[in-house]
Amino acid sequence: MKKMNVIVVFNKDMSKTLMCKRTKEPYKGMYNLVGGKIEKENGGLNEAYRELKEETNICKDDINLEHFMNMVYVKWDKELEVYYGILNKDVKLVEEVNKLEWVNINDDFFNMNKYAGEGNIGHIVEELKIELNKKN
């Protein structure tokens, strides 16, 4: 099974989430969550931190990631691991390939003309908002 991850990064006050603007297909020009392929020899959480560091320069000292959910696409033999974290300090973002932007947490993440993933980003962000509101 092909495994990938996405990481939802919230700023310190949870008013924004970090998005990348895709430079290639699929979803070229659309906003997407940070993430990538999971290498077989590494564990999922380690891979989430690796991808986050590579794509944004955010490291373990800046954020505590939690494994939130998995989405399995049985027909395509693909699994998507979803992680999230809240920055504990301001960070200097460094872009790897895709442009990085902070987006207001109340944006319409279900807008499929703006966001990649056929509504999955909206689902993930809304579920996280519900879960995090329970903790507060």
N, C-alpha and C. Protein backbone atom coordinates (compact mmCIF):
# COMPACT_ATOMS: atom_id res chain seq x y z
N MET A 1 0.84 -1.18 0.00
CA MET A 1 0.00 0.00 0.00
C MET A 1 0.89 1.24 0.00
N LYS A 2 0.58 2.20 -0.86
CA LYS A 2 1.29 3.47 -0.91
C LYS A 2 0.83 4.33 0.25
N LYS A 3 1.78 4.85 1.03
CA LYS A 3 1.43 5.66 2.19
C LYS A 3 1.95 7.08 2.02
N MET A 4 1.10 8.03 2.42
CA MET A 4 1.44 9.44 2.37
C MET A 4 0.98 10.09 3.67
N ASN A 5 1.50 11.30 3.93
CA ASN A 5 1.04 12.02 5.11
C ASN A 5 0.71 13.45 4.75
N VAL A 6 -0.11 14.06 5.57
CA VAL A 6 -0.36 15.50 5.53
C VAL A 6 -0.29 16.00 6.96
N ILE A 7 0.17 17.25 7.09
CA ILE A 7 0.34 17.82 8.41
C ILE A 7 -0.41 19.15 8.46
N VAL A 8 -1.31 19.26 9.42
CA VAL A 8 -2.04 20.50 9.65
C VAL A 8 -1.27 21.27 10.72
N VAL A 9 -0.74 22.42 10.34
CA VAL A 9 0.04 23.26 11.25
C VAL A 9 -0.78 24.50 11.58
N PHE A 10 -1.03 24.70 12.87
CA PHE A 10 -1.72 25.89 13.33
C PHE A 10 -0.69 26.86 13.90
N ASN A 11 -0.93 28.17 13.73
CA ASN A 11 -0.08 29.15 14.38
C ASN A 11 -0.37 29.14 15.88
N LYS A 12 0.40 29.92 16.64
CA LYS A 12 0.32 29.86 18.11
C LYS A 12 -1.08 30.12 18.66
N ASP A 13 -1.79 31.08 18.09
CA ASP A 13 -3.13 31.39 18.63
C ASP A 13 -4.26 30.68 17.89
N MET A 14 -3.89 29.75 17.03
CA MET A 14 -4.85 28.92 16.28
C MET A 14 -5.81 29.74 15.42
N SER A 15 -5.37 30.88 14.94
CA SER A 15 -6.20 31.69 14.06
C SER A 15 -5.93 31.38 12.59
N LYS A 16 -4.80 30.68 12.33
CA LYS A 16 -4.41 30.38 10.94
C LYS A 16 -3.83 28.98 10.86
N THR A 17 -3.89 28.45 9.63
CA THR A 17 -3.26 27.16 9.35
C THR A 17 -2.35 27.33 8.14
N LEU A 18 -1.30 26.54 8.09
CA LEU A 18 -0.30 26.66 7.05
C LEU A 18 -0.70 25.84 5.82
N MET A 19 -0.63 26.47 4.67
CA MET A 19 -0.93 25.81 3.41
C MET A 19 0.23 26.02 2.45
N CYS A 20 0.37 25.10 1.51
CA CYS A 20 1.31 25.30 0.41
C CYS A 20 0.50 25.43 -0.87
N LYS A 21 1.02 26.21 -1.80
CA LYS A 21 0.36 26.38 -3.09
C LYS A 21 1.10 25.48 -4.08
N ARG A 22 0.39 24.49 -4.61
CA ARG A 22 1.02 23.47 -5.45
C ARG A 22 1.55 24.04 -6.75
N THR A 23 2.77 23.60 -7.11
CA THR A 23 3.40 24.05 -8.34
C THR A 23 3.29 23.03 -9.47
N LYS A 24 2.75 21.83 -9.15
CA LYS A 24 2.61 20.81 -10.20
C LYS A 24 1.32 20.04 -10.00
N GLU A 25 0.95 19.30 -11.01
CA GLU A 25 -0.25 18.47 -10.96
C GLU A 25 -0.01 17.28 -10.05
N PRO A 26 -1.01 16.71 -9.43
CA PRO A 26 -2.39 17.18 -9.48
C PRO A 26 -2.59 18.43 -8.62
N TYR A 27 -3.61 19.16 -8.93
CA TYR A 27 -4.02 20.35 -8.16
C TYR A 27 -3.07 21.53 -8.30
N LYS A 28 -2.39 21.64 -9.43
CA LYS A 28 -1.47 22.76 -9.65
C LYS A 28 -2.19 24.09 -9.42
N GLY A 29 -1.55 24.98 -8.65
CA GLY A 29 -2.09 26.30 -8.36
C GLY A 29 -3.09 26.34 -7.21
N MET A 30 -3.39 25.19 -6.62
CA MET A 30 -4.35 25.12 -5.52
C MET A 30 -3.61 24.99 -4.19
N TYR A 31 -4.30 25.34 -3.12
CA TYR A 31 -3.74 25.19 -1.78
C TYR A 31 -3.88 23.74 -1.33
N ASN A 32 -2.86 23.29 -0.61
CA ASN A 32 -2.83 21.94 -0.09
C ASN A 32 -2.13 21.96 1.28
N LEU A 33 -2.32 20.91 2.03
CA LEU A 33 -1.60 20.76 3.28
C LEU A 33 -0.17 20.31 2.99
N VAL A 34 0.72 20.58 3.91
CA VAL A 34 2.10 20.13 3.80
C VAL A 34 2.13 18.62 4.01
N GLY A 35 3.01 17.93 3.32
CA GLY A 35 3.13 16.49 3.51
C GLY A 35 3.83 15.84 2.34
N GLY A 36 3.83 14.51 2.35
CA GLY A 36 4.49 13.79 1.27
C GLY A 36 4.46 12.29 1.48
N LYS A 37 5.34 11.62 0.77
CA LYS A 37 5.42 10.16 0.81
C LYS A 37 6.06 9.69 2.10
N ILE A 38 5.57 8.57 2.60
CA ILE A 38 6.16 7.92 3.77
C ILE A 38 7.13 6.86 3.28
N GLU A 39 8.38 6.98 3.70
CA GLU A 39 9.39 5.99 3.34
C GLU A 39 9.23 4.78 4.25
N LYS A 40 9.30 3.60 3.67
CA LYS A 40 9.02 2.35 4.39
C LYS A 40 9.87 2.15 5.64
N GLU A 41 11.13 2.58 5.61
CA GLU A 41 12.02 2.28 6.73
C GLU A 41 11.78 3.17 7.95
N ASN A 42 11.01 4.22 7.81
CA ASN A 42 10.76 5.12 8.93
C ASN A 42 9.33 5.01 9.43
N GLY A 43 9.13 5.31 10.70
CA GLY A 43 7.78 5.32 11.26
C GLY A 43 7.01 6.54 10.80
N GLY A 44 5.69 6.48 10.90
CA GLY A 44 4.83 7.54 10.43
C GLY A 44 5.10 8.90 11.05
N LEU A 45 5.23 8.95 12.39
CA LEU A 45 5.47 10.22 13.07
C LEU A 45 6.83 10.80 12.66
N ASN A 46 7.84 9.95 12.58
CA ASN A 46 9.16 10.42 12.13
C ASN A 46 9.08 10.99 10.73
N GLU A 47 8.31 10.35 9.88
CA GLU A 47 8.15 10.84 8.50
C GLU A 47 7.40 12.17 8.47
N ALA A 48 6.44 12.35 9.34
CA ALA A 48 5.71 13.62 9.40
C ALA A 48 6.67 14.74 9.78
N TYR A 49 7.50 14.51 10.80
CA TYR A 49 8.48 15.52 11.18
C TYR A 49 9.49 15.77 10.06
N ARG A 50 9.91 14.72 9.37
CA ARG A 50 10.87 14.87 8.27
C ARG A 50 10.29 15.73 7.15
N GLU A 51 9.06 15.41 6.73
CA GLU A 51 8.40 16.18 5.67
C GLU A 51 8.21 17.63 6.08
N LEU A 52 7.79 17.84 7.31
CA LEU A 52 7.55 19.19 7.81
C LEU A 52 8.84 20.01 7.77
N LYS A 53 9.94 19.42 8.22
CA LYS A 53 11.23 20.10 8.21
C LYS A 53 11.67 20.42 6.78
N GLU A 54 11.55 19.43 5.88
CA GLU A 54 11.97 19.61 4.50
C GLU A 54 11.17 20.72 3.79
N GLU A 55 9.87 20.73 4.00
CA GLU A 55 9.01 21.63 3.24
C GLU A 55 8.83 23.00 3.86
N THR A 56 9.12 23.14 5.18
CA THR A 56 8.80 24.41 5.86
C THR A 56 9.91 24.94 6.75
N ASN A 57 10.84 24.10 7.16
CA ASN A 57 11.87 24.40 8.14
C ASN A 57 11.34 24.35 9.59
N ILE A 58 10.12 23.88 9.79
CA ILE A 58 9.58 23.70 11.14
C ILE A 58 10.11 22.37 11.68
N CYS A 59 10.65 22.39 12.89
CA CYS A 59 11.24 21.17 13.46
C CYS A 59 10.55 20.79 14.77
N LYS A 60 10.98 19.69 15.35
CA LYS A 60 10.39 19.15 16.58
C LYS A 60 10.39 20.15 17.73
N ASP A 61 11.38 21.03 17.78
CA ASP A 61 11.44 22.03 18.84
C ASP A 61 10.35 23.09 18.70
N ASP A 62 9.80 23.23 17.49
CA ASP A 62 8.81 24.27 17.19
C ASP A 62 7.37 23.81 17.39
N ILE A 63 7.15 22.49 17.36
CA ILE A 63 5.78 21.96 17.31
C ILE A 63 5.75 20.53 17.82
N ASN A 64 4.66 20.16 18.47
CA ASN A 64 4.44 18.78 18.90
C ASN A 64 3.35 18.20 18.00
N LEU A 65 3.72 17.27 17.12
CA LEU A 65 2.75 16.68 16.21
C LEU A 65 2.02 15.52 16.87
N GLU A 66 0.73 15.41 16.56
CA GLU A 66 -0.08 14.29 17.02
C GLU A 66 -0.72 13.62 15.81
N HIS A 67 -0.75 12.29 15.84
CA HIS A 67 -1.41 11.52 14.79
C HIS A 67 -2.92 11.61 15.04
N PHE A 68 -3.64 12.15 14.08
CA PHE A 68 -5.06 12.43 14.28
C PHE A 68 -5.97 11.42 13.61
N MET A 69 -5.69 11.06 12.37
CA MET A 69 -6.58 10.14 11.66
C MET A 69 -5.85 9.57 10.44
N ASN A 70 -6.41 8.51 9.90
CA ASN A 70 -5.95 7.94 8.64
C ASN A 70 -7.13 7.87 7.68
N MET A 71 -6.84 8.06 6.42
CA MET A 71 -7.85 7.90 5.38
C MET A 71 -7.32 6.82 4.43
N VAL A 72 -8.10 5.76 4.23
CA VAL A 72 -7.68 4.66 3.38
C VAL A 72 -8.52 4.66 2.11
N TYR A 73 -7.83 4.67 0.98
CA TYR A 73 -8.46 4.61 -0.32
C TYR A 73 -8.27 3.19 -0.84
N VAL A 74 -9.21 2.33 -0.53
CA VAL A 74 -9.09 0.91 -0.81
C VAL A 74 -8.88 0.65 -2.30
N LYS A 75 -9.67 1.30 -3.13
CA LYS A 75 -9.61 1.06 -4.57
C LYS A 75 -8.23 1.40 -5.15
N TRP A 76 -7.57 2.41 -4.61
CA TRP A 76 -6.28 2.84 -5.14
C TRP A 76 -5.11 2.35 -4.30
N ASP A 77 -5.37 1.52 -3.29
CA ASP A 77 -4.33 0.95 -2.45
C ASP A 77 -3.43 2.04 -1.88
N LYS A 78 -4.08 3.07 -1.30
CA LYS A 78 -3.37 4.24 -0.79
C LYS A 78 -3.89 4.59 0.59
N GLU A 79 -2.98 4.99 1.47
CA GLU A 79 -3.35 5.42 2.82
C GLU A 79 -2.75 6.79 3.10
N LEU A 80 -3.56 7.66 3.68
CA LEU A 80 -3.13 9.01 4.02
C LEU A 80 -3.16 9.16 5.54
N GLU A 81 -2.01 9.43 6.14
CA GLU A 81 -1.92 9.66 7.58
C GLU A 81 -2.00 11.16 7.82
N VAL A 82 -2.85 11.57 8.78
CA VAL A 82 -3.06 12.98 9.07
C VAL A 82 -2.50 13.29 10.46
N TYR A 83 -1.63 14.30 10.51
CA TYR A 83 -1.03 14.77 11.75
C TYR A 83 -1.38 16.25 11.92
N TYR A 84 -1.33 16.71 13.17
CA TYR A 84 -1.54 18.13 13.40
C TYR A 84 -0.68 18.58 14.57
N GLY A 85 -0.48 19.90 14.62
CA GLY A 85 0.25 20.48 15.73
C GLY A 85 0.05 21.98 15.76
N ILE A 86 0.30 22.56 16.93
CA ILE A 86 0.19 24.00 17.14
C ILE A 86 1.60 24.51 17.44
N LEU A 87 2.04 25.50 16.67
CA LEU A 87 3.38 26.05 16.89
C LEU A 87 3.49 26.60 18.32
N ASN A 88 4.65 26.37 18.94
CA ASN A 88 4.86 26.89 20.29
C ASN A 88 5.64 28.20 20.28
N LYS A 89 6.04 28.65 19.08
CA LYS A 89 6.76 29.92 18.93
C LYS A 89 6.67 30.34 17.47
N ASP A 90 7.03 31.58 17.22
CA ASP A 90 7.09 32.05 15.84
C ASP A 90 8.27 31.39 15.15
N VAL A 91 8.09 31.06 13.88
CA VAL A 91 9.15 30.39 13.12
C VAL A 91 9.38 31.11 11.81
N LYS A 92 10.58 30.98 11.29
CA LYS A 92 10.90 31.49 9.96
C LYS A 92 10.69 30.35 8.98
N LEU A 93 9.68 30.50 8.14
CA LEU A 93 9.38 29.46 7.16
C LEU A 93 10.39 29.51 6.03
N VAL A 94 10.80 28.33 5.56
CA VAL A 94 11.68 28.20 4.40
C VAL A 94 10.98 27.27 3.42
N GLU A 95 10.68 27.79 2.24
CA GLU A 95 9.96 27.00 1.23
C GLU A 95 10.92 26.08 0.50
N GLU A 96 10.48 24.82 0.32
CA GLU A 96 11.27 23.84 -0.44
C GLU A 96 10.93 23.98 -1.92
N VAL A 97 9.69 23.71 -2.30
CA VAL A 97 9.23 23.79 -3.69
C VAL A 97 8.00 24.67 -3.79
N ASN A 98 7.01 24.38 -2.95
CA ASN A 98 5.74 25.09 -3.00
C ASN A 98 5.74 26.32 -2.11
N LYS A 99 5.08 27.38 -2.58
CA LYS A 99 4.94 28.60 -1.80
C LYS A 99 4.11 28.30 -0.55
N LEU A 100 4.53 28.83 0.59
CA LEU A 100 3.83 28.63 1.86
C LEU A 100 3.04 29.87 2.22
N GLU A 101 1.82 29.67 2.71
CA GLU A 101 0.98 30.79 3.12
C GLU A 101 0.16 30.41 4.34
N TRP A 102 -0.03 31.38 5.24
CA TRP A 102 -0.93 31.20 6.37
C TRP A 102 -2.34 31.58 5.91
N VAL A 103 -3.31 30.72 6.21
CA VAL A 103 -4.70 30.94 5.80
C VAL A 103 -5.56 31.00 7.06
N ASN A 104 -6.50 31.94 7.08
CA ASN A 104 -7.41 32.09 8.20
C ASN A 104 -8.16 30.79 8.45
N ILE A 105 -8.23 30.38 9.70
CA ILE A 105 -8.85 29.10 10.08
C ILE A 105 -10.34 29.05 9.74
N ASN A 106 -10.96 30.19 9.52
CA ASN A 106 -12.38 30.22 9.18
C ASN A 106 -12.64 30.30 7.68
N ASP A 107 -11.61 30.12 6.87
CA ASP A 107 -11.79 30.10 5.42
C ASP A 107 -12.63 28.88 5.04
N ASP A 108 -13.16 28.87 3.82
CA ASP A 108 -13.97 27.74 3.33
C ASP A 108 -13.04 26.70 2.71
N PHE A 109 -12.57 25.77 3.54
CA PHE A 109 -11.65 24.74 3.07
C PHE A 109 -12.33 23.68 2.21
N PHE A 110 -13.65 23.78 2.09
CA PHE A 110 -14.40 22.89 1.19
C PHE A 110 -14.47 23.46 -0.23
N ASN A 111 -13.94 24.66 -0.46
CA ASN A 111 -13.96 25.29 -1.78
C ASN A 111 -13.01 24.52 -2.70
N MET A 112 -13.56 23.70 -3.56
CA MET A 112 -12.75 22.84 -4.42
C MET A 112 -12.14 23.58 -5.60
N ASN A 113 -12.44 24.86 -5.76
CA ASN A 113 -11.74 25.68 -6.74
C ASN A 113 -10.47 26.29 -6.16
N LYS A 114 -10.35 26.25 -4.85
CA LYS A 114 -9.21 26.85 -4.16
C LYS A 114 -8.32 25.81 -3.48
N TYR A 115 -8.96 24.76 -2.91
CA TYR A 115 -8.23 23.77 -2.11
C TYR A 115 -8.22 22.41 -2.80
N ALA A 116 -7.08 21.76 -2.76
CA ALA A 116 -6.90 20.42 -3.32
C ALA A 116 -7.66 19.39 -2.47
N GLY A 117 -7.74 18.17 -2.98
CA GLY A 117 -8.21 17.05 -2.16
C GLY A 117 -9.69 16.76 -2.19
N GLU A 118 -10.43 17.35 -3.10
CA GLU A 118 -11.85 17.02 -3.28
C GLU A 118 -12.67 17.14 -2.00
N GLY A 119 -12.36 18.14 -1.19
CA GLY A 119 -13.10 18.36 0.05
C GLY A 119 -12.46 17.75 1.28
N ASN A 120 -11.42 16.95 1.09
CA ASN A 120 -10.78 16.31 2.24
C ASN A 120 -10.14 17.31 3.19
N ILE A 121 -9.58 18.39 2.67
CA ILE A 121 -8.97 19.39 3.54
C ILE A 121 -10.03 20.00 4.45
N GLY A 122 -11.19 20.32 3.87
CA GLY A 122 -12.29 20.85 4.68
C GLY A 122 -12.70 19.88 5.78
N HIS A 123 -12.81 18.61 5.42
CA HIS A 123 -13.19 17.58 6.40
C HIS A 123 -12.15 17.51 7.52
N ILE A 124 -10.88 17.45 7.15
CA ILE A 124 -9.82 17.33 8.15
C ILE A 124 -9.80 18.54 9.08
N VAL A 125 -9.83 19.74 8.52
CA VAL A 125 -9.75 20.95 9.34
C VAL A 125 -10.97 21.07 10.25
N GLU A 126 -12.16 20.78 9.74
CA GLU A 126 -13.36 20.88 10.58
C GLU A 126 -13.34 19.86 11.70
N GLU A 127 -12.90 18.64 11.43
CA GLU A 127 -12.80 17.62 12.49
C GLU A 127 -11.79 18.05 13.55
N LEU A 128 -10.68 18.63 13.12
CA LEU A 128 -9.68 19.11 14.09
C LEU A 128 -10.23 20.25 14.93
N LYS A 129 -10.96 21.16 14.33
CA LYS A 129 -11.54 22.27 15.10
C LYS A 129 -12.50 21.73 16.16
N ILE A 130 -13.30 20.74 15.81
CA ILE A 130 -14.21 20.13 16.79
C ILE A 130 -13.42 19.49 17.93
N GLU A 131 -12.40 18.72 17.57
CA GLU A 131 -11.59 18.02 18.59
C GLU A 131 -10.86 19.01 19.49
N LEU A 132 -10.28 20.03 18.92
CA LEU A 132 -9.52 20.99 19.72
C LEU A 132 -10.41 21.86 20.58
N ASN A 133 -11.63 22.12 20.14
CA ASN A 133 -12.58 22.85 20.97
C ASN A 133 -13.00 22.04 22.20
N LYS A 134 -13.03 20.72 22.07
CA LYS A 134 -13.35 19.85 23.21
C LYS A 134 -12.28 19.95 24.28
N LYS A 135 -11.01 20.12 23.86
CA LYS A 135 -9.90 20.18 24.80
C LYS A 135 -9.86 21.49 25.57
N ASN A 136 -10.46 22.54 25.01
CA ASN A 136 -10.43 23.87 25.65
C ASN A 136 -11.60 24.11 26.56
